[in-house]
Amino acid sequence: MSAVTRPTRKVALAVAVLAVIGGMTACSSASPAPEGSGSTGGTLTTQFAGVPISLNPALGGSGGSAIFTSLPYDSLIYQTGDGELIPDLATDWTLSDDNTKLTLTLRDGVKFASGEVMDADAVKASLEYAIDAGGGNARYAGPVDSIEATADDTVEITYSSAYPDAPYYLTQYWSVGQIIGPDGLADPDSLLTSSDGTGQYSYSASDSVTGSTYTYVRNDDYFNPDAIQYDKVVVKVIGDPSAVSSAITTGQVDFGSASPTTAGSATAAGLDLVTAPFFTWGLTMADTQGAISPELKDPDVRKAIAMAIDRDSLANALDADFTHPNGQIGADGIDGYVDGFGFEYDVAKAKSLLADAGYPNGFELTVLTENILDSQTTISQAIAGDLGKIGITVNLEVKNSVPDFIQAALSKEYPALIWPVVGTNSAQVLTNFTQPGVTNPFGNTDPTLDDLYGQAQSSTDAAARSELYEQITKAANDVAWFAPVISTDNIFVVGSKVENVTASALNPNPMPQAPDAQYAWKHAAE
């Protein structure tokens, strides 16, 4: 992948997917980073659209929101912008032939912010805490049966069933692999105002303003000081895309997210864009047992909802360069995407299905959404408008922060919700709907989906696994828990003072720090 590109949809994906999912040991083959100015130090100012879900990594967010915890907490494994897995706190890892045991060899001489030395016992304790703490990312730990410190520098994780994605979910984006020190585990509340990790930076509460600015200062005891490119990293919370564009154009922010409507003005100002396929947006019909909305218990009603949505019109309205109509659970390019397959826009058929199900005049449906990722609830309002065409009156319940949305989603008070899903293969996407969490608060299960998922996880043959991924895609539409609508690209604007920012379909959320300097963001050459 090129480090900085103009908007493009072309992503070479197949080989990289297999490298992430099938790779058993750490390796590195990336090309050297640009030389830049050779300078380090100073302050890097970045932007994120919302407040952190938590500064405790075990309770924190994933994807781009992981910046709040990945800066002070190194992960066991690091994922580069091109999607490659390289050593971080673990210098080597091996997955057993049956994908049920992961053995990690730990880096020597690493210290937590408290001064405690990292060893296998500390890593084991952190992993167990992350699983038990109840955070939204705990499910990505997988079907863990046991975690053992078999030597001072060795940790073995045994899974009750095959889990080939295990290394991927121990990277900097999923919280479980971000290792917390013993002092932090002894007092988890302290992690909301300070950090106890091994990362390149430490959280500075005295330099931060809750809800507005989060500041991280250099950790002089970091195990590889040459990898640190900045003395300080500041994350500003700016939700409005126009305000983000203005802040980057004027140099107040060095890196931030853009929307399709603001990307053009950024390029006109001479700034660079980094883009990568990311979210698949849709309506999740969580209450498939009809506890709150009896109508959703009928699969034909759920399919009618999926058929009522005009994906092409919404994609064109949002900007077709970065938004793509999609009628299946995963974005074009992931392993398991099926060409020519998916729900299609058919109002007449949707009305017929509703009538046959006993709802010729439609019904009312309360839908939970938020205005942080779905800026100004543009996507949500379009979905609501389309459902109105078949007689379904949608009452949007809008939350103004991601934490509030997550809390509401888990309350089981909302039968449907609008929230994006992501994954590098359809099995990963599927877990959003089959494992407990934001998009499965009622605990839906389906034997066909569970069986296909299990077969895909157990398979050691890449071609067979891809075929199973495609079967998962088709079976997901059969149960119609999710009405997919569009897939969107992540769009980032990079200021003139920064270079070496990379993203890809496998890693669409760039992070500034890396355990190896060649992958870190750098000061641009003067």
Protein backbone atom coordinates (compact mmCIF):
# COMPACT_ATOMS: atom_id res chain seq x y z
CA MET A 1 0.00 0.00 0.00
CA SER A 2 1.24 3.48 -0.70
CA ALA A 3 1.76 5.58 2.39
CA VAL A 4 -0.25 8.58 1.20
CA THR A 5 -2.65 8.45 -1.69
CA ARG A 6 -5.31 10.39 -3.45
CA PRO A 7 -8.75 8.79 -3.03
CA THR A 8 -8.74 5.28 -4.48
CA ARG A 9 -10.79 2.16 -4.14
CA LYS A 10 -8.19 -0.26 -5.44
CA VAL A 11 -6.73 -2.40 -2.68
CA ALA A 12 -4.56 -5.48 -3.17
CA LEU A 13 -6.09 -7.62 -0.47
CA ALA A 14 -6.02 -11.38 -0.97
CA VAL A 15 -2.40 -12.09 -0.03
CA ALA A 16 -2.51 -9.70 2.91
CA VAL A 17 -5.65 -11.32 4.31
CA LEU A 18 -3.96 -14.70 4.34
CA ALA A 19 -0.89 -13.17 5.98
CA VAL A 20 -2.96 -11.86 8.87
CA ILE A 21 -5.34 -14.74 9.34
CA GLY A 22 -3.05 -17.61 8.47
CA GLY A 23 0.32 -16.29 9.64
CA MET A 24 1.65 -18.41 12.45
CA THR A 25 4.81 -16.52 13.40
CA ALA A 26 5.94 -12.93 13.38
CA CYS A 27 7.87 -11.61 10.43
CA SER A 28 8.50 -8.34 8.61
CA SER A 29 8.97 -7.57 4.94
CA ALA A 30 7.83 -3.97 4.68
CA SER A 31 9.91 -1.51 2.72
CA PRO A 32 11.96 1.04 4.67
CA ALA A 33 10.19 4.19 5.76
CA PRO A 34 11.03 7.48 4.05
CA GLU A 35 13.98 9.27 5.55
CA GLY A 36 12.11 12.52 6.23
CA SER A 37 13.92 15.27 8.05
CA GLY A 38 15.49 12.87 10.55
CA SER A 39 14.18 15.01 13.42
CA THR A 40 12.29 13.75 16.45
CA GLY A 41 10.62 15.45 19.39
CA GLY A 42 8.01 18.17 19.51
CA THR A 43 4.25 17.67 19.67
CA LEU A 44 1.96 15.70 17.37
CA THR A 45 -1.66 16.82 17.51
CA THR A 46 -4.30 14.40 16.26
CA GLN A 47 -8.09 14.37 16.21
CA PHE A 48 -10.78 11.89 17.13
CA ALA A 49 -14.51 12.39 16.65
CA GLY A 50 -15.65 11.45 20.15
CA VAL A 51 -14.56 11.03 23.74
CA PRO A 52 -12.82 7.81 24.76
CA ILE A 53 -15.07 4.95 25.80
CA SER A 54 -12.63 4.49 28.67
CA LEU A 55 -8.97 5.19 29.42
CA ASN A 56 -8.81 1.75 30.99
CA PRO A 57 -7.76 -0.39 28.00
CA ALA A 58 -9.78 -3.37 29.19
CA LEU A 59 -12.90 -1.21 28.94
CA GLY A 60 -11.77 0.95 26.01
CA GLY A 61 -12.71 1.13 22.37
CA SER A 62 -11.43 -0.56 19.26
CA GLY A 63 -10.46 0.70 15.82
CA GLY A 64 -9.58 4.38 15.68
CA SER A 65 -10.73 5.00 19.25
CA ALA A 66 -7.93 2.70 20.43
CA ILE A 67 -5.57 5.68 20.12
CA PHE A 68 -6.54 6.70 23.65
CA THR A 69 -5.14 3.48 25.09
CA SER A 70 -2.60 2.26 22.51
CA LEU A 71 -0.32 5.25 23.13
CA PRO A 72 0.40 4.32 26.78
CA TYR A 73 -0.21 0.55 26.52
CA ASP A 74 1.89 -1.55 24.18
CA SER A 75 0.14 -4.58 22.73
CA LEU A 76 1.53 -8.07 22.49
CA ILE A 77 1.53 -7.86 18.69
CA TYR A 78 1.58 -4.81 16.43
CA GLN A 79 -0.30 -4.43 13.16
CA THR A 80 1.33 -2.17 10.59
CA GLY A 81 -0.62 0.10 8.27
CA ASP A 82 -0.40 -2.53 5.54
CA GLY A 83 -1.89 -5.15 7.85
CA GLU A 84 1.28 -7.07 8.65
CA LEU A 85 1.72 -8.47 12.15
CA ILE A 86 5.09 -7.68 13.70
CA PRO A 87 6.65 -8.08 17.18
CA ASP A 88 5.77 -5.76 20.03
CA LEU A 89 5.73 -7.06 23.60
CA ALA A 90 5.81 -10.53 22.10
CA THR A 91 8.89 -11.11 19.97
CA ASP A 92 7.56 -14.34 18.49
CA TRP A 93 4.35 -16.34 18.47
CA THR A 94 3.23 -19.71 17.16
CA LEU A 95 -0.27 -21.04 16.60
CA SER A 96 -0.66 -24.81 16.86
CA ASP A 97 -1.59 -26.85 13.80
CA ASP A 98 -5.20 -27.18 14.97
CA ASN A 99 -5.48 -23.44 15.79
CA THR A 100 -6.24 -24.11 19.47
CA LYS A 101 -3.02 -23.02 21.22
CA LEU A 102 -1.09 -19.76 20.89
CA THR A 103 2.41 -19.63 22.36
CA LEU A 104 3.96 -16.17 22.84
CA THR A 105 7.59 -15.41 23.63
CA LEU A 106 7.87 -12.12 25.52
CA ARG A 107 10.37 -9.31 25.11
CA ASP A 108 13.02 -9.08 27.82
CA GLY A 109 13.77 -5.99 29.89
CA VAL A 110 10.43 -4.20 29.53
CA LYS A 111 9.07 -2.11 32.41
CA PHE A 112 5.63 -0.79 33.21
CA ALA A 113 5.12 2.88 34.09
CA SER A 114 5.15 1.88 37.77
CA GLY A 115 8.65 0.45 37.38
CA GLU A 116 7.53 -3.17 37.65
CA VAL A 117 9.18 -5.55 35.20
CA MET A 118 6.95 -7.20 32.61
CA ASP A 119 7.02 -10.99 32.74
CA ALA A 120 4.73 -13.86 31.84
CA ASP A 121 2.83 -13.66 35.12
CA ALA A 122 2.05 -9.99 34.52
CA VAL A 123 0.89 -10.66 30.97
CA LYS A 124 -1.28 -13.56 32.12
CA ALA A 125 -2.89 -11.37 34.80
CA SER A 126 -3.57 -8.58 32.30
CA LEU A 127 -5.14 -10.92 29.76
CA GLU A 128 -7.37 -12.50 32.40
CA TYR A 129 -8.45 -9.10 33.68
CA ALA A 130 -9.32 -7.91 30.16
CA ILE A 131 -11.50 -10.97 29.65
CA ASP A 132 -13.29 -10.61 32.99
CA ALA A 133 -13.63 -6.81 33.16
CA GLY A 134 -16.72 -6.72 30.97
CA GLY A 135 -15.47 -4.40 28.25
CA GLY A 136 -16.87 -4.42 24.75
CA ASN A 137 -13.70 -5.96 23.32
CA ALA A 138 -13.55 -8.92 25.70
CA ARG A 139 -15.24 -11.18 23.16
CA TYR A 140 -12.28 -10.75 20.81
CA ALA A 141 -10.14 -12.71 23.25
CA GLY A 142 -11.81 -15.72 21.67
CA PRO A 143 -12.89 -19.00 23.28
CA VAL A 144 -10.14 -18.98 25.89
CA ASP A 145 -9.94 -22.13 27.97
CA SER A 146 -6.78 -21.30 29.91
CA ILE A 147 -3.84 -18.90 30.05
CA GLU A 148 -0.57 -20.18 31.50
CA ALA A 149 2.81 -18.64 32.23
CA THR A 150 4.96 -21.61 31.27
CA ALA A 151 8.24 -19.73 31.74
CA ASP A 152 9.27 -16.21 32.75
CA ASP A 153 9.15 -15.18 29.10
CA THR A 154 6.47 -17.52 27.73
CA VAL A 155 2.68 -17.40 27.79
CA GLU A 156 0.43 -20.12 26.38
CA ILE A 157 -3.21 -19.42 25.58
CA THR A 158 -5.34 -22.51 25.02
CA TYR A 159 -8.70 -22.19 23.28
CA SER A 160 -11.68 -24.49 23.69
CA SER A 161 -12.17 -24.41 19.92
CA ALA A 162 -10.09 -23.34 16.94
CA TYR A 163 -9.28 -19.61 16.83
CA PRO A 164 -7.00 -18.75 13.89
CA ASP A 165 -7.64 -15.00 14.35
CA ALA A 166 -6.00 -15.03 17.79
CA PRO A 167 -2.81 -13.10 16.84
CA TYR A 168 -4.83 -10.44 14.99
CA TYR A 169 -6.95 -9.72 18.06
CA LEU A 170 -3.89 -9.24 20.28
CA THR A 171 -2.81 -6.15 18.33
CA GLN A 172 -3.13 -2.51 19.36
CA TYR A 173 -6.71 -2.15 18.13
CA TRP A 174 -8.60 -4.62 20.30
CA SER A 175 -7.71 -3.76 23.92
CA VAL A 176 -7.31 -7.38 25.05
CA GLY A 177 -3.70 -7.41 23.91
CA GLN A 178 -2.86 -4.03 25.47
CA ILE A 179 -1.02 -5.09 28.61
CA ILE A 180 -1.72 -3.41 31.96
CA GLY A 181 0.83 -3.52 34.80
CA PRO A 182 0.26 -5.11 38.22
CA ASP A 183 -0.23 -1.74 39.98
CA GLY A 184 -2.93 -0.74 37.51
CA LEU A 185 -4.69 -4.09 37.90
CA ALA A 186 -4.62 -3.69 41.67
CA ASP A 187 -6.44 -0.35 41.37
CA PRO A 188 -8.42 -0.24 38.10
CA ASP A 189 -9.99 3.12 39.00
CA SER A 190 -6.51 4.65 38.83
CA LEU A 191 -6.43 3.84 35.11
CA LEU A 192 -9.00 6.58 34.49
CA THR A 193 -6.57 9.30 35.58
CA SER A 194 -3.15 7.71 34.98
CA SER A 195 -1.67 4.86 32.97
CA ASP A 196 0.31 1.78 33.90
CA GLY A 197 1.48 0.41 30.60
CA THR A 198 4.75 -0.18 28.78
CA GLY A 199 3.99 2.15 25.86
CA GLN A 200 5.93 4.99 24.33
CA TYR A 201 3.79 7.53 26.19
CA SER A 202 2.10 8.01 29.52
CA TYR A 203 -1.26 9.68 30.00
CA SER A 204 -0.95 13.13 31.61
CA ALA A 205 -4.20 14.03 33.34
CA SER A 206 -2.82 17.42 34.43
CA ASP A 207 -2.29 18.43 30.79
CA SER A 208 -5.67 17.08 29.64
CA VAL A 209 -9.21 18.41 29.64
CA THR A 210 -11.82 15.67 29.97
CA GLY A 211 -14.08 15.58 26.97
CA SER A 212 -11.85 17.90 24.95
CA THR A 213 -8.10 17.22 24.95
CA TYR A 214 -6.11 14.14 25.97
CA THR A 215 -2.34 14.52 26.36
CA TYR A 216 0.33 11.84 26.38
CA VAL A 217 3.99 12.50 27.25
CA ARG A 218 7.12 10.59 26.29
CA ASN A 219 8.07 7.51 28.33
CA ASP A 220 11.85 7.73 28.72
CA ASP A 221 11.98 4.11 29.89
CA TYR A 222 10.47 2.71 26.70
CA PHE A 223 12.28 -0.42 25.53
CA ASN A 224 13.13 1.06 22.10
CA PRO A 225 13.63 4.82 22.52
CA ASP A 226 14.71 5.17 18.87
CA ALA A 227 11.15 4.32 17.83
CA ILE A 228 9.69 7.37 19.60
CA GLN A 229 9.21 10.20 17.12
CA TYR A 230 7.49 12.82 19.33
CA ASP A 231 7.88 14.11 22.87
CA LYS A 232 4.13 14.57 23.23
CA VAL A 233 0.97 13.40 21.48
CA VAL A 234 -2.28 15.34 21.92
CA VAL A 235 -5.65 13.93 20.90
CA LYS A 236 -8.32 16.59 20.39
CA VAL A 237 -12.00 15.66 20.40
CA ILE A 238 -13.57 17.36 17.37
CA GLY A 239 -16.76 15.88 15.98
CA ASP A 240 -17.74 18.24 13.19
CA PRO A 241 -16.01 17.28 9.91
CA SER A 242 -15.82 20.90 8.73
CA ALA A 243 -14.14 21.91 11.98
CA VAL A 244 -11.63 19.07 11.56
CA SER A 245 -10.80 20.19 8.01
CA SER A 246 -10.35 23.78 9.16
CA ALA A 247 -8.12 22.75 12.08
CA ILE A 248 -5.82 20.73 9.82
CA THR A 249 -5.73 23.38 7.08
CA THR A 250 -4.68 26.02 9.61
CA GLY A 251 -2.10 23.75 11.26
CA GLN A 252 -3.88 23.42 14.61
CA VAL A 253 -4.15 19.65 14.06
CA ASP A 254 -1.66 17.45 12.20
CA PHE A 255 -3.95 14.51 11.42
CA GLY A 256 -7.68 13.93 11.50
CA SER A 257 -10.67 12.25 9.95
CA ALA A 258 -12.54 13.65 6.98
CA SER A 259 -15.96 13.09 5.49
CA PRO A 260 -16.72 12.73 1.79
CA THR A 261 -18.01 16.30 1.83
CA THR A 262 -14.81 17.74 3.32
CA ALA A 263 -12.22 15.57 1.52
CA GLY A 264 -12.33 17.74 -1.59
CA SER A 265 -11.57 20.94 0.27
CA ALA A 266 -8.61 19.26 1.97
CA THR A 267 -7.04 18.20 -1.31
CA ALA A 268 -7.75 21.66 -2.76
CA ALA A 269 -5.75 23.09 0.12
CA GLY A 270 -2.79 20.91 -0.88
CA LEU A 271 -3.20 18.36 1.90
CA ASP A 272 -2.92 14.61 1.40
CA LEU A 273 -5.56 11.98 2.02
CA VAL A 274 -5.11 8.45 3.34
CA THR A 275 -8.09 6.23 2.59
CA ALA A 276 -9.05 2.59 3.13
CA PRO A 277 -12.24 0.50 3.01
CA PHE A 278 -13.70 0.17 6.49
CA PHE A 279 -17.28 0.20 7.77
CA THR A 280 -20.34 -1.63 6.53
CA TRP A 281 -23.37 0.34 7.71
CA GLY A 282 -26.80 -1.12 8.16
CA LEU A 283 -29.79 -1.66 10.40
CA THR A 284 -29.32 -4.37 13.02
CA MET A 285 -32.59 -6.02 13.98
CA ALA A 286 -31.47 -7.20 17.40
CA ASP A 287 -34.85 -8.24 18.80
CA THR A 288 -35.33 -11.28 16.56
CA GLN A 289 -37.34 -13.03 19.28
CA GLY A 290 -39.90 -10.25 19.37
CA ALA A 291 -39.51 -9.35 23.03
CA ILE A 292 -40.08 -5.64 22.31
CA SER A 293 -41.13 -5.57 18.67
CA PRO A 294 -43.07 -8.74 17.79
CA GLU A 295 -42.87 -7.84 14.09
CA LEU A 296 -39.11 -8.48 14.00
CA LYS A 297 -39.57 -12.12 14.96
CA ASP A 298 -40.71 -12.85 11.40
CA PRO A 299 -37.73 -13.31 9.02
CA ASP A 300 -39.88 -12.10 6.11
CA VAL A 301 -40.39 -8.79 7.91
CA ARG A 302 -36.66 -8.48 8.39
CA LYS A 303 -36.07 -9.26 4.71
CA ALA A 304 -38.70 -6.71 3.70
CA ILE A 305 -36.81 -4.09 5.70
CA ALA A 306 -33.59 -5.02 3.90
CA MET A 307 -35.28 -4.77 0.50
CA ALA A 308 -36.82 -1.36 1.22
CA ILE A 309 -33.49 0.49 1.40
CA ASP A 310 -32.28 2.40 -1.66
CA ARG A 311 -28.53 1.79 -1.34
CA ASP A 312 -27.53 3.36 -4.64
CA SER A 313 -29.23 6.68 -3.88
CA LEU A 314 -27.65 6.92 -0.44
CA ALA A 315 -24.17 6.05 -1.74
CA ASN A 316 -24.44 8.69 -4.46
CA ALA A 317 -25.73 11.29 -2.01
CA LEU A 318 -22.82 10.72 0.35
CA ASP A 319 -20.20 10.70 -2.48
CA ALA A 320 -19.66 7.63 -4.60
CA ASP A 321 -15.86 8.01 -4.43
CA PHE A 322 -15.87 6.96 -0.79
CA THR A 323 -19.27 5.28 -0.32
CA HIS A 324 -20.40 2.03 -1.93
CA PRO A 325 -23.84 0.39 -2.00
CA ASN A 326 -23.68 -3.00 -0.34
CA GLY A 327 -26.31 -5.65 0.30
CA GLN A 328 -24.20 -8.16 2.26
CA ILE A 329 -22.51 -8.16 5.65
CA GLY A 330 -18.95 -7.41 4.52
CA ALA A 331 -17.33 -4.84 2.28
CA ASP A 332 -16.11 -5.62 -1.23
CA GLY A 333 -12.57 -6.97 -0.90
CA ILE A 334 -12.87 -8.93 2.36
CA ASP A 335 -12.49 -12.68 2.30
CA GLY A 336 -16.04 -13.98 1.92
CA TYR A 337 -17.47 -11.18 -0.18
CA VAL A 338 -19.67 -12.68 -2.93
CA ASP A 339 -19.77 -10.82 -6.23
CA GLY A 340 -23.29 -10.09 -7.45
CA PHE A 341 -24.91 -11.21 -4.20
CA GLY A 342 -26.94 -9.28 -1.65
CA PHE A 343 -30.24 -7.64 -0.81
CA GLU A 344 -31.57 -5.51 -3.66
CA TYR A 345 -33.87 -2.50 -3.58
CA ASP A 346 -37.41 -3.70 -4.31
CA VAL A 347 -40.23 -1.72 -2.69
CA ALA A 348 -43.01 -3.79 -4.27
CA LYS A 349 -41.50 -7.05 -3.02
CA ALA A 350 -40.92 -5.54 0.42
CA LYS A 351 -44.57 -4.45 0.68
CA SER A 352 -45.70 -7.90 -0.43
CA LEU A 353 -43.60 -9.59 2.23
CA LEU A 354 -44.99 -7.28 4.91
CA ALA A 355 -48.55 -7.92 3.81
CA ASP A 356 -48.05 -11.69 3.78
CA ALA A 357 -46.58 -11.44 7.29
CA GLY A 358 -49.75 -9.67 8.48
CA TYR A 359 -48.54 -6.05 8.38
CA PRO A 360 -50.05 -4.54 5.21
CA ASN A 361 -50.08 -1.09 6.83
CA GLY A 362 -46.62 -1.39 8.36
CA PHE A 363 -45.83 -0.70 12.00
CA GLU A 364 -43.79 1.56 14.27
CA LEU A 365 -40.16 0.75 15.03
CA THR A 366 -37.88 2.47 17.53
CA VAL A 367 -34.29 2.54 16.28
CA LEU A 368 -31.26 3.52 18.36
CA THR A 369 -28.53 5.55 16.64
CA GLU A 370 -25.82 8.14 17.35
CA ASN A 371 -24.45 11.28 15.71
CA ILE A 372 -20.71 10.77 16.20
CA LEU A 373 -19.80 8.11 13.62
CA ASP A 374 -23.01 8.81 11.69
CA SER A 375 -22.39 12.54 11.48
CA GLN A 376 -25.67 14.48 11.65
CA THR A 377 -27.40 11.05 11.52
CA THR A 378 -27.35 11.26 7.72
CA ILE A 379 -27.31 7.49 7.19
CA SER A 380 -29.88 6.86 9.90
CA GLN A 381 -32.32 9.38 8.48
CA ALA A 382 -31.98 7.90 5.00
CA ILE A 383 -32.77 4.42 6.32
CA ALA A 384 -35.75 5.77 8.25
CA GLY A 385 -37.04 7.56 5.17
CA ASP A 386 -36.80 4.45 3.02
CA LEU A 387 -38.65 2.32 5.57
CA GLY A 388 -41.41 4.91 5.58
CA LYS A 389 -42.07 4.02 1.93
CA ILE A 390 -43.29 0.57 2.99
CA GLY A 391 -45.32 1.86 5.93
CA ILE A 392 -42.77 1.40 8.73
CA THR A 393 -42.62 4.52 10.90
CA VAL A 394 -39.15 4.77 12.39
CA ASN A 395 -38.64 6.65 15.63
CA LEU A 396 -34.94 7.48 15.84
CA GLU A 397 -33.49 7.63 19.35
CA VAL A 398 -30.24 9.60 18.94
CA LYS A 399 -27.34 9.46 21.42
CA ASN A 400 -24.70 12.17 21.39
CA SER A 401 -21.69 10.06 22.36
CA VAL A 402 -20.45 6.58 21.60
CA PRO A 403 -20.34 5.53 25.30
CA ASP A 404 -23.97 6.61 25.73
CA PHE A 405 -24.93 4.69 22.59
CA ILE A 406 -23.18 1.53 23.78
CA GLN A 407 -24.83 1.71 27.19
CA ALA A 408 -28.24 2.17 25.60
CA ALA A 409 -27.68 -0.66 23.10
CA LEU A 410 -26.77 -3.09 25.87
CA SER A 411 -29.85 -2.14 27.91
CA LYS A 412 -32.11 -4.36 25.74
CA GLU A 413 -34.56 -1.46 25.51
CA TYR A 414 -34.16 -1.00 21.76
CA PRO A 415 -35.28 -3.60 19.22
CA ALA A 416 -33.13 -2.23 16.39
CA LEU A 417 -30.05 -0.07 16.04
CA ILE A 418 -27.83 1.52 13.43
CA TRP A 419 -24.13 0.83 13.93
CA PRO A 420 -21.30 -0.04 11.53
CA VAL A 421 -19.55 -3.40 11.52
CA VAL A 422 -16.09 -4.34 10.29
CA GLY A 423 -13.86 -7.34 9.70
CA THR A 424 -11.22 -8.66 7.33
CA ASN A 425 -13.35 -11.73 6.59
CA SER A 426 -17.03 -12.57 6.89
CA ALA A 427 -16.48 -14.74 9.97
CA GLN A 428 -15.06 -11.76 11.84
CA VAL A 429 -18.01 -9.62 10.74
CA LEU A 430 -20.42 -12.36 11.77
CA THR A 431 -19.24 -12.27 15.37
CA ASN A 432 -20.91 -8.87 15.68
CA PHE A 433 -24.25 -10.67 15.43
CA THR A 434 -23.60 -14.04 17.07
CA GLN A 435 -21.55 -13.07 20.12
CA PRO A 436 -22.85 -10.89 22.98
CA GLY A 437 -22.19 -7.21 22.44
CA VAL A 438 -23.52 -3.95 21.08
CA THR A 439 -24.99 -5.50 17.93
CA ASN A 440 -26.26 -8.61 19.70
CA PRO A 441 -27.62 -7.43 23.05
CA PHE A 442 -30.41 -10.05 23.10
CA GLY A 443 -28.02 -12.98 22.57
CA ASN A 444 -29.19 -14.20 19.19
CA THR A 445 -27.92 -17.58 18.04
CA ASP A 446 -28.42 -19.62 14.89
CA PRO A 447 -27.24 -23.23 14.47
CA THR A 448 -26.38 -22.85 10.79
CA LEU A 449 -24.27 -19.75 11.35
CA ASP A 450 -22.61 -21.30 14.40
CA ASP A 451 -21.75 -24.43 12.44
CA LEU A 452 -20.30 -22.52 9.48
CA TYR A 453 -18.28 -20.30 11.80
CA GLY A 454 -16.89 -23.33 13.62
CA GLN A 455 -15.93 -25.01 10.36
CA ALA A 456 -14.17 -21.85 9.14
CA GLN A 457 -12.23 -21.49 12.37
CA SER A 458 -11.12 -25.12 12.33
CA SER A 459 -10.06 -25.20 8.69
CA THR A 460 -6.35 -25.00 7.95
CA ASP A 461 -6.85 -24.81 4.18
CA ALA A 462 -7.08 -21.24 2.89
CA ALA A 463 -9.25 -22.09 -0.13
CA ALA A 464 -11.68 -24.14 1.94
CA ARG A 465 -11.87 -21.36 4.51
CA SER A 466 -12.69 -18.80 1.82
CA GLU A 467 -15.52 -21.00 0.58
CA LEU A 468 -16.89 -21.23 4.11
CA TYR A 469 -16.65 -17.47 4.46
CA GLU A 470 -18.82 -17.11 1.35
CA GLN A 471 -21.35 -19.54 2.82
CA ILE A 472 -21.42 -17.40 5.97
CA THR A 473 -22.18 -14.33 3.87
CA LYS A 474 -25.16 -16.04 2.23
CA ALA A 475 -26.44 -17.58 5.47
CA ALA A 476 -26.28 -14.19 7.20
CA ASN A 477 -28.68 -12.77 4.63
CA ASP A 478 -30.94 -15.80 5.05
CA VAL A 479 -31.51 -15.02 8.75
CA ALA A 480 -31.61 -11.28 7.96
CA TRP A 481 -30.59 -10.02 11.36
CA PHE A 482 -28.73 -7.23 9.62
CA ALA A 483 -29.96 -5.10 6.73
CA PRO A 484 -26.68 -3.94 5.12
CA VAL A 485 -26.84 -0.60 3.33
CA ILE A 486 -23.47 0.88 2.36
CA SER A 487 -19.78 0.33 2.87
CA THR A 488 -17.71 3.42 3.55
CA ASP A 489 -14.03 4.24 3.30
CA ASN A 490 -12.12 5.69 6.19
CA ILE A 491 -10.81 9.07 5.03
CA PHE A 492 -8.00 10.87 6.85
CA VAL A 493 -6.35 14.21 6.18
CA VAL A 494 -2.62 14.40 6.83
CA GLY A 495 -1.10 17.79 7.61
CA SER A 496 2.00 19.06 5.87
CA LYS A 497 4.28 18.37 8.85
CA VAL A 498 3.66 14.62 8.99
CA GLU A 499 4.58 11.71 6.75
CA ASN A 500 4.70 7.90 6.72
CA VAL A 501 0.99 7.55 7.55
CA THR A 502 -0.35 4.31 6.04
CA ALA A 503 -3.69 2.49 5.95
CA SER A 504 -5.22 -0.46 4.15
CA ALA A 505 -8.35 -2.60 4.10
CA LEU A 506 -6.69 -4.79 6.72
CA ASN A 507 -5.77 -1.81 8.88
CA PRO A 508 -7.95 1.21 8.10
CA ASN A 509 -7.12 3.11 11.30
CA PRO A 510 -3.59 4.58 11.31
CA MET A 511 -1.80 4.94 14.64
CA PRO A 512 1.17 7.27 15.16
CA GLN A 513 3.35 5.01 17.28
CA ALA A 514 5.07 1.74 16.41
CA PRO A 515 7.62 -0.46 18.19
CA ASP A 516 9.85 -0.18 15.11
CA ALA A 517 10.65 3.34 13.87
CA GLN A 518 10.16 2.44 10.20
CA TYR A 519 6.41 2.09 10.78
CA ALA A 520 5.93 5.20 12.93
CA TRP A 521 4.65 8.56 11.73
CA LYS A 522 7.49 10.99 11.16
CA HIS A 523 8.27 14.67 10.86
CA ALA A 524 8.03 15.59 7.20
CA ALA A 525 11.17 16.79 5.48
CA GLU A 526 11.44 20.57 5.37
